[in-house]
Amino acid sequence: MEQYVIRGGNPLVGEVEISGAKNAALAILAAAIMTDETVTIDNLPDVRDINALLQAMGDIGARIDRVDAHTVKINGSFVKDIPVDYDSMKKIRASYYLLGAMLGKYKRAEVTLPGGCNIGSRPMDLHIKGFRALGAHVEIRNGAVAAEAERLKGSHIYLDKVSVGATINIMMAAAMAEGKTTIENSAKEPHVVDVANFLNSMGANIRGAGTDVIRIVGVEKLHKTEYSVIPDQIEAGTFMFAAAATKGDVTVKNVIPKHLEATTAKLLEAGCEVEEFDDAVRVVASKPLRHTQVTTLPYPGFPTDMQPQMSVVLGIAQGTSTVTESIFENRFKYVDELTRMGADIKVESNIAIINGVKGYTGARVSAPDLRAGAALVIAGLSAEGITIVDDIHYIQRGYEAFEDKLECLGAQIARVSSEKEIQKFQFKVS
C-alpha cells in the first residue's frame, strides 16, 4: 500500500494548475455512449475513478480511444452488454450514471450497486423514483439496479431532496424520452450544468440547468460532439485551503471563480486575502487565522466536499469555530486522525466544535475517504515534524498528481510504498 510522507512547516508559494472536474467528467463519460457517433472529451482529470469508468465502459463494448491522459474519443455504437458487472464499478459512486445513459438510449439498463467513499447514506430511491416516473420498471436484484421500459415518456418529477446524482441520471434518461419532462427541486451544482451543456452539444434539448427547475424536451437521437470538461472546484478549493493552513501565497489557475464563491467567502472570514482574476484565484495567508462558523449546503452553499479541508484550517485558527454537516452523516471520521496531530475537536451529532490550537504536530494517520484524506495531507503540510498518511488510494481517486503539484509549491512530500522509503525520506529532509 502506498503512503504519503510529509515534512511540514513550509508555506506553499507559487502557482498551481487545476485539472478537469472529476464529478462532471464521470457523468459526461457515461453520457457519451448515448450516441452511435464518436464523441471527443478533453480536460479529463487523470485519476483512478475516471480510469475505472473508462475500463468498465470498454468492457461493455464501447470503443475507447485514449488520445492522451486528458483526452478520450468514445464511440457507443459497439456497446453489446447491457448488464454492467465489473469489480471496479463497486469502487466508484458514479457507476450509477450508466443507468440513466443506457436507459435513455436502449430503454434498459442493469448496473451493479455503486460503491465509493463511506461518508454516509446515499440511497438510490430518488433515481428509481425518476426512472419509474418516466415509465420504466425498476428493481434491485442480485446486487444490481435493473431498469427496463418499452418506451420512456416525459413526466413531471419532484425530487424530495436535492440530489446531484438523481438530477443528472434523470436528466440523461429524459433527454431521449418522448415528450416533455420537468425536474423540480433539482440540484444546481456546476457539474449538473456541465452535463446538461454536454448533452445539449449532442443535440439534447435541456433548459434550466443551474436552477431548481430543469425542463427537457426529449429527442430521438443524439450526435457527435467535442467537449471540454469544466475545472474542478473541489481540487481548487483544496489548494486554497492548503495555502491558508500553511500561511502561504498560492495562485490557483484554470478555475471559474464564480464556482468558488462559498469557499472564498469562508477564507475571507478566516482572515485570508483572496484576489480573483478571470480564470484564477490567489490566496494569501499572512495574518493569524480567525474562527468562524460553517454549514454545508447544496450549491451555491458551502460544499460538503470542502468540509474536512475547512476544518483543518479552523483547527489552527484563533478561538472556537463550529462546522455543521447537513449533507452526509459520516463526514467527521477524520476527526480522530486529526486529533492524533494535536487538534482539539469535539463532535456532537452533526456539529464539530473546534477549539483552535497553536499548530499541528506530525503523526501517522489514515485517510478514511477521498476529501478527508486530502485534508489530512493539508494538516501534515502545516504540522511540525513528519506526517505519514496511509490509505492514499482514496486520495488518488480524485486528485491528479497531487504530490507533484504540492512539490511545485514548495511542499516536502513523497509517495512511498515501504518503511525503507519513509526512512530514506526522513533522512533526506532532516
Protein backbone atom coordinates (compact mmCIF):
# COMPACT_ATOMS: atom_id res chain seq x y z
CA MET A 1 0.00 0.00 0.00
CA GLU A 2 1.30 3.43 -0.90
CA GLN A 3 1.57 6.30 1.58
CA TYR A 4 2.38 9.97 1.63
CA VAL A 5 5.22 11.05 3.88
CA ILE A 6 5.32 14.78 4.58
CA ARG A 7 7.69 17.14 6.33
CA GLY A 8 5.55 20.09 7.37
CA GLY A 9 6.29 23.70 8.13
CA ASN A 10 6.91 25.11 4.64
CA PRO A 11 4.49 27.80 3.39
CA LEU A 12 3.09 26.85 -0.01
CA VAL A 13 4.06 29.50 -2.54
CA GLY A 14 3.57 29.71 -6.30
CA GLU A 15 1.05 28.75 -8.97
CA VAL A 16 -0.89 25.51 -9.45
CA GLU A 17 -2.93 24.37 -12.46
CA ILE A 18 -6.30 22.79 -11.67
CA SER A 19 -7.45 19.68 -13.56
CA GLY A 20 -10.87 18.94 -15.02
CA ALA A 21 -13.77 18.29 -12.64
CA LYS A 22 -13.95 14.63 -11.69
CA ASN A 23 -17.63 14.74 -10.77
CA ALA A 24 -18.58 16.34 -14.08
CA ALA A 25 -16.28 14.13 -16.14
CA LEU A 26 -17.70 10.87 -14.77
CA ALA A 27 -21.25 11.75 -15.78
CA ILE A 28 -20.15 13.14 -19.15
CA LEU A 29 -18.22 9.95 -19.96
CA ALA A 30 -21.31 7.86 -19.20
CA ALA A 31 -23.48 10.14 -21.34
CA ALA A 32 -21.05 9.80 -24.25
CA ILE A 33 -22.39 6.32 -25.07
CA MET A 34 -25.85 7.79 -25.76
CA THR A 35 -24.92 8.42 -29.40
CA ASP A 36 -23.63 5.99 -32.03
CA GLU A 37 -21.25 8.65 -33.30
CA THR A 38 -17.79 9.39 -31.94
CA VAL A 39 -17.57 11.88 -29.08
CA THR A 40 -14.34 13.67 -28.10
CA ILE A 41 -13.94 14.79 -24.48
CA ASP A 42 -10.93 16.72 -23.19
CA ASN A 43 -9.74 18.29 -19.93
CA LEU A 44 -10.36 14.94 -18.21
CA PRO A 45 -8.55 14.52 -14.89
CA ASP A 46 -6.15 11.58 -14.91
CA VAL A 47 -7.43 9.94 -11.72
CA ARG A 48 -8.45 6.44 -10.67
CA ASP A 49 -12.21 6.96 -10.82
CA ILE A 50 -12.02 8.16 -14.43
CA ASN A 51 -9.77 5.28 -15.47
CA ALA A 52 -12.02 2.73 -13.74
CA LEU A 53 -15.13 4.02 -15.50
CA LEU A 54 -13.42 4.06 -18.91
CA GLN A 55 -12.28 0.47 -18.41
CA ALA A 56 -15.79 -0.62 -17.43
CA MET A 57 -17.28 1.16 -20.45
CA GLY A 58 -14.77 -0.62 -22.67
CA ASP A 59 -15.78 -3.93 -21.12
CA ILE A 60 -19.41 -3.48 -22.22
CA GLY A 61 -18.28 -2.77 -25.78
CA ALA A 62 -17.81 0.99 -26.02
CA ARG A 63 -14.84 1.84 -28.23
CA ILE A 64 -12.40 3.88 -26.12
CA ASP A 65 -9.53 5.71 -27.80
CA ARG A 66 -7.32 7.36 -25.20
CA VAL A 67 -5.72 10.18 -27.20
CA ASP A 68 -3.65 11.28 -24.19
CA ALA A 69 -4.00 11.42 -20.40
CA HIS A 70 -6.65 14.14 -20.62
CA THR A 71 -8.45 13.45 -23.92
CA VAL A 72 -10.55 10.49 -24.99
CA LYS A 73 -12.65 9.55 -28.01
CA ILE A 74 -15.68 7.35 -27.28
CA ASN A 75 -17.94 5.52 -29.70
CA GLY A 76 -21.00 3.91 -28.13
CA SER A 77 -22.29 2.12 -31.22
CA PHE A 78 -20.41 -1.03 -30.23
CA VAL A 79 -22.00 -1.42 -26.78
CA LYS A 80 -23.21 -5.00 -26.56
CA ASP A 81 -23.59 -5.91 -22.89
CA ILE A 82 -26.37 -4.04 -21.13
CA PRO A 83 -25.63 -5.55 -17.70
CA VAL A 84 -22.61 -3.80 -16.21
CA ASP A 85 -21.00 -6.18 -13.75
CA TYR A 86 -17.42 -5.14 -13.17
CA ASP A 87 -15.37 -5.20 -9.98
CA SER A 88 -14.08 -1.64 -10.31
CA MET A 89 -17.65 -0.35 -10.61
CA LYS A 90 -18.16 -1.26 -6.96
CA LYS A 91 -15.39 1.15 -6.04
CA ILE A 92 -16.82 4.30 -7.61
CA ARG A 93 -20.08 6.02 -6.85
CA ALA A 94 -20.53 7.31 -10.40
CA SER A 95 -21.17 3.83 -11.82
CA TYR A 96 -24.86 4.66 -11.49
CA TYR A 97 -24.64 7.24 -14.29
CA LEU A 98 -24.57 4.37 -16.78
CA LEU A 99 -28.14 3.62 -15.66
CA GLY A 100 -29.55 6.90 -16.95
CA ALA A 101 -27.40 6.82 -20.08
CA MET A 102 -28.30 3.25 -21.11
CA LEU A 103 -31.94 3.54 -20.08
CA GLY A 104 -32.25 6.65 -22.23
CA LYS A 105 -30.60 5.09 -25.27
CA TYR A 106 -31.52 1.39 -25.07
CA LYS A 107 -34.59 1.57 -22.79
CA ARG A 108 -32.96 -0.97 -20.48
CA ALA A 109 -30.03 -0.95 -18.12
CA GLU A 110 -28.53 -3.02 -15.34
CA VAL A 111 -25.67 -1.74 -13.20
CA THR A 112 -24.03 -3.06 -10.04
CA LEU A 113 -24.98 -1.04 -6.97
CA PRO A 114 -22.40 1.74 -6.61
CA GLY A 115 -19.56 1.96 -4.10
CA GLY A 116 -17.18 4.85 -3.40
CA CYS A 117 -16.35 6.54 -0.10
CA ASN A 118 -18.32 5.57 3.00
CA ILE A 119 -19.25 9.10 4.05
CA GLY A 120 -22.92 8.38 4.71
CA SER A 121 -26.13 7.02 3.31
CA ARG A 122 -26.60 7.78 -0.38
CA PRO A 123 -29.64 5.72 -1.42
CA MET A 124 -30.85 5.24 -4.96
CA ASP A 125 -34.51 5.91 -4.16
CA LEU A 126 -34.71 9.28 -5.95
CA HIS A 127 -33.03 7.83 -9.07
CA ILE A 128 -35.52 4.96 -9.06
CA LYS A 129 -38.46 7.33 -8.47
CA GLY A 130 -37.41 9.37 -11.50
CA PHE A 131 -36.95 6.37 -13.78
CA ARG A 132 -40.36 5.00 -12.76
CA ALA A 133 -41.98 8.37 -13.43
CA LEU A 134 -40.57 8.15 -16.97
CA GLY A 135 -42.29 4.76 -17.41
CA ALA A 136 -39.51 2.31 -16.54
CA HIS A 137 -39.90 -0.82 -14.45
CA VAL A 138 -37.10 -0.75 -11.89
CA GLU A 139 -35.98 -3.36 -9.37
CA ILE A 140 -32.92 -4.26 -7.35
CA ARG A 141 -31.81 -7.83 -7.93
CA ASN A 142 -28.60 -9.75 -7.31
CA GLY A 143 -26.82 -6.63 -6.06
CA ALA A 144 -27.69 -4.56 -9.13
CA VAL A 145 -30.24 -1.96 -10.20
CA ALA A 146 -32.17 -3.13 -13.27
CA ALA A 147 -34.43 -0.78 -15.26
CA GLU A 148 -36.44 -1.51 -18.40
CA ALA A 149 -39.16 0.22 -20.44
CA GLU A 150 -40.95 -0.36 -23.72
CA ARG A 151 -40.71 3.38 -24.12
CA LEU A 152 -39.90 6.35 -21.91
CA LYS A 153 -42.44 9.17 -21.65
CA GLY A 154 -41.80 12.65 -20.30
CA SER A 155 -43.15 13.39 -16.84
CA HIS A 156 -43.24 15.91 -14.02
CA ILE A 157 -40.77 14.80 -11.34
CA TYR A 158 -40.34 16.43 -7.94
CA LEU A 159 -37.21 15.44 -6.03
CA ASP A 160 -38.00 15.21 -2.31
CA LYS A 161 -34.38 16.05 -1.56
CA VAL A 162 -31.78 17.90 -3.62
CA SER A 163 -29.65 15.20 -5.23
CA VAL A 164 -26.89 15.76 -7.78
CA GLY A 165 -26.79 12.11 -8.84
CA ALA A 166 -30.54 11.75 -9.26
CA THR A 167 -30.80 15.06 -11.13
CA ILE A 168 -28.13 14.01 -13.64
CA ASN A 169 -29.40 10.44 -14.05
CA ILE A 170 -33.00 11.51 -14.66
CA MET A 171 -31.82 14.28 -16.99
CA MET A 172 -29.90 11.75 -19.13
CA ALA A 173 -32.80 9.32 -19.37
CA ALA A 174 -35.32 12.10 -20.09
CA ALA A 175 -33.12 13.52 -22.87
CA MET A 176 -34.24 10.62 -25.08
CA ALA A 177 -37.76 10.14 -23.70
CA GLU A 178 -40.91 11.05 -25.64
CA GLY A 179 -42.32 14.47 -24.80
CA LYS A 180 -41.52 16.94 -22.04
CA THR A 181 -40.00 16.30 -18.62
CA THR A 182 -39.79 18.75 -15.73
CA ILE A 183 -37.47 18.10 -12.79
CA GLU A 184 -38.34 20.25 -9.78
CA ASN A 185 -36.05 20.83 -6.77
CA SER A 186 -33.14 19.83 -8.98
CA ALA A 187 -29.52 20.18 -7.92
CA LYS A 188 -27.76 23.34 -9.12
CA GLU A 189 -24.11 22.30 -8.87
CA PRO A 190 -21.72 23.35 -11.66
CA HIS A 191 -21.28 19.76 -12.80
CA VAL A 192 -25.06 19.42 -13.31
CA VAL A 193 -24.83 22.40 -15.65
CA ASP A 194 -21.78 20.92 -17.37
CA VAL A 195 -23.55 17.62 -18.08
CA ALA A 196 -26.58 19.49 -19.43
CA ASN A 197 -24.32 21.58 -21.69
CA PHE A 198 -22.62 18.41 -22.92
CA LEU A 199 -25.94 16.72 -23.71
CA ASN A 200 -27.14 19.88 -25.48
CA SER A 201 -23.96 19.88 -27.57
CA MET A 202 -25.02 16.38 -28.69
CA GLY A 203 -28.45 17.62 -29.72
CA ALA A 204 -30.45 17.31 -26.49
CA ASN A 205 -32.99 19.98 -25.54
CA ILE A 206 -32.38 20.82 -21.87
CA ARG A 207 -33.15 24.19 -20.29
CA GLY A 208 -32.85 25.49 -16.75
CA ALA A 209 -29.78 23.59 -15.56
CA GLY A 210 -28.29 25.59 -12.70
CA THR A 211 -31.75 26.49 -11.38
CA ASP A 212 -34.12 24.40 -9.28
CA VAL A 213 -36.36 23.60 -12.28
CA ILE A 214 -34.96 21.78 -15.31
CA ARG A 215 -37.10 21.36 -18.42
CA ILE A 216 -36.30 18.73 -21.02
CA VAL A 217 -37.84 18.01 -24.40
CA GLY A 218 -36.88 14.52 -25.47
CA VAL A 219 -35.18 13.86 -28.81
CA GLU A 220 -34.97 10.68 -30.88
CA LYS A 221 -31.20 10.56 -31.16
CA LEU A 222 -28.02 12.38 -30.22
CA HIS A 223 -24.97 13.12 -32.37
CA LYS A 224 -21.21 13.52 -32.11
CA THR A 225 -19.58 16.42 -30.33
CA GLU A 226 -16.31 17.74 -28.98
CA TYR A 227 -16.44 18.95 -25.39
CA SER A 228 -14.12 20.24 -22.67
CA VAL A 229 -14.87 19.46 -19.01
CA ILE A 230 -15.06 22.38 -16.56
CA PRO A 231 -12.29 22.88 -13.95
CA ASP A 232 -12.58 21.02 -10.65
CA GLN A 233 -13.91 23.39 -7.98
CA ILE A 234 -13.12 20.93 -5.16
CA GLU A 235 -9.49 20.48 -6.20
CA ALA A 236 -9.23 24.26 -6.47
CA GLY A 237 -10.70 24.73 -3.02
CA THR A 238 -8.35 22.13 -1.58
CA PHE A 239 -5.31 24.10 -2.76
CA MET A 240 -6.87 27.32 -1.50
CA PHE A 241 -7.23 25.84 1.98
CA ALA A 242 -3.72 24.38 1.76
CA ALA A 243 -2.43 27.92 1.21
CA ALA A 244 -4.37 29.11 4.26
CA ALA A 245 -3.21 26.28 6.55
CA THR A 246 0.47 26.69 5.63
CA LYS A 247 0.46 30.52 5.78
CA GLY A 248 1.24 30.54 2.09
CA ASP A 249 0.64 32.54 -1.07
CA VAL A 250 -0.83 30.41 -3.85
CA THR A 251 -2.41 31.34 -7.18
CA VAL A 252 -4.87 28.66 -8.29
CA LYS A 253 -5.15 28.72 -12.09
CA ASN A 254 -7.63 27.33 -14.63
CA VAL A 255 -10.67 27.88 -12.42
CA ILE A 256 -14.08 29.53 -12.65
CA PRO A 257 -14.08 31.94 -9.67
CA LYS A 258 -17.91 32.01 -9.61
CA HIS A 259 -17.89 28.32 -8.64
CA LEU A 260 -15.62 29.09 -5.66
CA GLU A 261 -17.64 31.88 -4.05
CA ALA A 262 -18.65 29.92 -0.92
CA THR A 263 -15.05 28.77 -0.37
CA THR A 264 -13.72 32.28 -0.94
CA ALA A 265 -16.23 33.77 1.50
CA LYS A 266 -15.12 31.46 4.32
CA LEU A 267 -11.44 32.10 3.67
CA LEU A 268 -12.09 35.83 3.90
CA GLU A 269 -13.94 35.30 7.18
CA ALA A 270 -10.97 33.30 8.45
CA GLY A 271 -8.62 36.21 7.79
CA CYS A 272 -7.08 35.34 4.42
CA GLU A 273 -6.71 37.68 1.48
CA VAL A 274 -8.35 36.44 -1.73
CA GLU A 275 -7.81 38.06 -5.11
CA GLU A 276 -9.92 36.97 -8.08
CA PHE A 277 -8.92 37.08 -11.76
CA ASP A 278 -10.74 35.93 -14.90
CA ASP A 279 -9.62 32.32 -14.56
CA ALA A 280 -7.54 32.28 -11.37
CA VAL A 281 -7.77 32.94 -7.64
CA ARG A 282 -4.89 33.98 -5.38
CA VAL A 283 -4.97 33.16 -1.64
CA VAL A 284 -2.56 34.88 0.76
CA ALA A 285 -2.49 33.90 4.43
CA SER A 286 -0.17 36.47 6.02
CA LYS A 287 -2.27 37.16 9.13
CA PRO A 288 -3.34 34.93 12.04
CA LEU A 289 -6.36 32.77 11.16
CA ARG A 290 -9.68 33.62 12.80
CA HIS A 291 -12.54 31.39 13.95
CA THR A 292 -15.83 31.24 12.02
CA GLN A 293 -18.95 29.12 11.57
CA VAL A 294 -19.64 26.85 8.60
CA THR A 295 -22.69 24.87 7.49
CA THR A 296 -22.54 22.60 4.46
CA LEU A 297 -25.38 23.08 1.99
CA PRO A 298 -26.21 22.19 -1.62
CA TYR A 299 -24.71 24.58 -4.19
CA PRO A 300 -24.39 27.56 -4.06
CA GLY A 301 -23.88 26.89 -0.36
CA PHE A 302 -20.63 25.69 1.19
CA PRO A 303 -19.82 22.28 -0.35
CA THR A 304 -19.73 19.17 1.82
CA ASP A 305 -16.66 18.06 -0.18
CA MET A 306 -14.76 21.04 1.26
CA GLN A 307 -15.80 20.48 4.87
CA PRO A 308 -12.78 18.40 6.06
CA GLN A 309 -10.31 20.85 4.47
CA MET A 310 -12.10 23.78 6.11
CA SER A 311 -11.98 22.04 9.50
CA VAL A 312 -8.22 21.58 9.19
CA VAL A 313 -7.81 25.33 8.68
CA LEU A 314 -10.14 26.19 11.59
CA GLY A 315 -8.26 23.72 13.79
CA ILE A 316 -5.32 26.16 13.87
CA ALA A 317 -7.39 29.36 13.91
CA GLN A 318 -7.77 31.57 16.96
CA GLY A 319 -10.90 30.93 19.02
CA THR A 320 -13.73 28.41 18.74
CA SER A 321 -15.38 27.51 15.42
CA THR A 322 -18.32 25.28 14.58
CA VAL A 323 -18.78 23.17 11.47
CA THR A 324 -22.26 21.79 10.82
CA GLU A 325 -22.54 18.92 8.33
CA SER A 326 -26.04 18.86 6.82
CA ILE A 327 -25.42 16.52 3.86
CA PHE A 328 -23.67 13.30 4.99
CA GLU A 329 -23.78 11.77 8.46
CA ASN A 330 -20.37 10.07 8.37
CA ARG A 331 -18.30 13.02 7.26
CA PHE A 332 -16.42 13.51 10.55
CA LYS A 333 -14.49 10.22 10.51
CA TYR A 334 -11.25 12.14 10.01
CA VAL A 335 -11.58 13.91 13.38
CA ASP A 336 -9.92 11.07 15.32
CA GLU A 337 -7.00 11.17 12.91
CA LEU A 338 -6.67 14.95 13.17
CA THR A 339 -6.76 14.64 16.96
CA ARG A 340 -3.61 12.49 16.71
CA MET A 341 -1.96 15.59 15.26
CA GLY A 342 -2.99 17.76 18.19
CA ALA A 343 -6.38 19.09 17.09
CA ASP A 344 -8.99 19.94 19.73
CA ILE A 345 -12.28 18.93 18.14
CA LYS A 346 -15.45 17.56 19.72
CA VAL A 347 -18.22 16.15 17.55
CA GLU A 348 -21.80 16.34 18.78
CA SER A 349 -24.30 14.80 16.37
CA ASN A 350 -23.66 16.61 13.07
CA ILE A 351 -21.70 19.52 14.57
CA ALA A 352 -17.95 19.74 15.12
CA ILE A 353 -16.86 22.18 17.81
CA ILE A 354 -13.29 23.20 17.01
CA ASN A 355 -11.07 24.93 19.53
CA GLY A 356 -8.10 26.35 17.66
CA VAL A 357 -4.64 25.14 18.70
CA LYS A 358 -1.27 26.76 18.08
CA GLY A 359 -0.32 24.20 15.45
CA TYR A 360 -0.38 20.54 14.44
CA THR A 361 2.37 18.02 15.10
CA GLY A 362 3.36 15.22 12.76
CA ALA A 363 1.80 11.79 13.28
CA ARG A 364 0.88 8.62 11.42
CA VAL A 365 -2.71 8.92 10.22
CA SER A 366 -5.02 7.08 7.83
CA ALA A 367 -7.22 8.59 5.11
CA PRO A 368 -10.83 7.47 5.75
CA ASP A 369 -12.13 8.80 2.40
CA LEU A 370 -11.19 10.99 -0.57
CA ARG A 371 -11.70 14.53 0.78
CA ALA A 372 -10.74 13.72 4.37
CA GLY A 373 -7.53 12.20 3.02
CA ALA A 374 -6.68 15.44 1.22
CA ALA A 375 -7.48 17.35 4.42
CA LEU A 376 -5.03 15.21 6.41
CA VAL A 377 -2.34 15.96 3.82
CA ILE A 378 -3.03 19.67 4.35
CA ALA A 379 -2.68 19.17 8.10
CA GLY A 380 0.63 17.38 7.52
CA LEU A 381 1.89 20.24 5.36
CA SER A 382 1.09 22.63 8.20
CA ALA A 383 2.42 20.43 11.01
CA GLU A 384 5.73 20.46 12.80
CA GLY A 385 7.69 17.31 12.01
CA ILE A 386 6.91 14.25 9.89
CA THR A 387 3.41 13.07 8.98
CA ILE A 388 2.65 9.75 7.29
CA VAL A 389 -0.73 9.36 5.59
CA ASP A 390 -1.84 5.78 4.95
CA ASP A 391 -4.59 4.57 2.57
CA ILE A 392 -3.85 7.24 -0.04
CA HIS A 393 -5.68 5.20 -2.69
CA TYR A 394 -8.73 7.21 -1.59
CA ILE A 395 -6.94 10.47 -2.42
CA GLN A 396 -5.78 9.14 -5.79
CA ARG A 397 -9.43 8.58 -6.73
CA GLY A 398 -9.95 12.30 -7.16
CA TYR A 399 -6.68 14.29 -7.22
CA GLU A 400 -4.39 14.19 -10.23
CA ALA A 401 -0.65 14.24 -9.47
CA PHE A 402 -1.42 15.58 -6.01
CA GLU A 403 2.08 15.25 -4.57
CA ASP A 404 3.68 16.65 -7.75
CA LYS A 405 1.53 19.78 -7.67
CA LEU A 406 2.27 20.27 -3.96
CA GLU A 407 6.00 19.81 -4.52
CA CYS A 408 5.93 22.56 -7.16
CA LEU A 409 4.56 24.86 -4.45
CA GLY A 410 7.45 24.03 -2.12
CA ALA A 411 5.97 21.17 -0.13
CA GLN A 412 8.24 18.41 1.15
CA ILE A 413 6.12 15.39 0.28
CA ALA A 414 6.76 12.00 -1.29
CA ARG A 415 4.67 9.00 -2.28
CA VAL A 416 6.26 5.87 -0.86
CA SER A 417 5.44 2.18 -0.61
CA SER A 418 7.71 0.85 2.16
CA GLU A 419 9.11 1.70 5.58
CA LYS A 420 12.55 1.84 3.99
CA GLU A 421 11.41 4.63 1.64
CA ILE A 422 9.91 6.50 4.60
CA GLN A 423 13.23 6.36 6.43
CA LYS A 424 15.06 7.47 3.29
CA PHE A 425 12.73 10.50 3.01
CA GLN A 426 13.19 11.37 6.66
CA PHE A 427 16.95 11.25 6.29
CA LYS A 428 16.81 13.35 3.11
CA VAL A 429 14.78 16.20 4.65
CA SER A 430 16.40 16.17 8.10
